[in-house]
Amino acid sequence: MPRLMLILFSMISTTLMGVGMIVSLVMGYDTLNPLLIAIGIGFVVSIPASWIIAKQIAG
């Protein structure tokens, strides 16, 4: 299961970080600090998300 989680993490983390970045840009926060915070939040949220999805796939 850890291997599946790492494979999923590589896809989920890039997606959530991109979504966070786009949301912050749409909201008008276009400087470095808000973008890094949004990307960091996406990275942190993707860790448990990939674990939960891997657990559901592995059954």
Protein backbone atom coordinates (compact mmCIF):
# COMPACT_ATOMS: atom_id res chain seq x y z
CA MET A 1 0.00 0.00 0.00
CA PRO A 2 2.80 2.54 0.59
CA ARG A 3 3.88 2.14 -3.03
CA LEU A 4 0.36 2.84 -4.26
CA MET A 5 0.13 5.83 -1.94
CA LEU A 6 3.36 7.31 -3.32
CA ILE A 7 2.20 6.87 -6.89
CA LEU A 8 -1.11 8.51 -6.09
CA PHE A 9 0.63 11.23 -4.08
CA SER A 10 2.64 12.33 -7.11
CA MET A 11 -0.56 12.98 -9.06
CA ILE A 12 -2.76 14.25 -6.24
CA SER A 13 -0.19 16.69 -4.86
CA THR A 14 0.44 18.38 -8.19
CA THR A 15 -3.29 18.67 -8.79
CA LEU A 16 -4.10 20.14 -5.38
CA MET A 17 -1.13 22.52 -5.48
CA GLY A 18 -2.22 23.73 -8.91
CA VAL A 19 -5.79 24.20 -7.76
CA GLY A 20 -4.59 26.17 -4.74
CA MET A 21 -2.42 28.37 -6.91
CA ILE A 22 -5.23 29.07 -9.38
CA VAL A 23 -7.68 29.85 -6.57
CA SER A 24 -5.29 32.33 -4.99
CA LEU A 25 -4.63 33.99 -8.36
CA VAL A 26 -8.36 34.28 -9.07
CA MET A 27 -8.88 35.84 -5.63
CA GLY A 28 -6.30 38.49 -6.53
CA TYR A 29 -3.39 37.31 -4.38
CA ASP A 30 -0.66 37.42 -6.99
CA THR A 31 2.45 37.96 -4.88
CA LEU A 32 4.90 35.30 -3.76
CA ASN A 33 3.81 34.71 -0.15
CA PRO A 34 0.10 33.97 -0.79
CA LEU A 35 1.03 31.68 -3.67
CA LEU A 36 3.50 29.75 -1.54
CA ILE A 37 0.95 29.42 1.24
CA ALA A 38 -1.67 28.09 -1.17
CA ILE A 39 0.81 25.65 -2.68
CA GLY A 40 1.90 24.52 0.79
CA ILE A 41 -1.69 23.93 1.86
CA GLY A 42 -2.27 21.84 -1.27
CA PHE A 43 0.84 19.81 -0.52
CA VAL A 44 -0.15 19.15 3.10
CA VAL A 45 -3.74 18.25 2.20
CA SER A 46 -2.58 15.81 -0.48
CA ILE A 47 -0.77 13.58 2.04
CA PRO A 48 -3.86 12.31 3.89
CA ALA A 49 -5.92 12.43 0.70
CA SER A 50 -3.56 10.06 -1.09
CA TRP A 51 -3.47 7.75 1.95
CA ILE A 52 -7.28 7.58 2.11
CA ILE A 53 -7.63 6.98 -1.64
CA ALA A 54 -4.92 4.30 -1.60
CA LYS A 55 -6.67 2.57 1.30
CA GLN A 56 -9.97 2.59 -0.61
CA ILE A 57 -8.35 1.23 -3.77
CA ALA A 58 -6.45 -1.51 -1.95
CA GLY A 59 -9.67 -2.58 -0.32
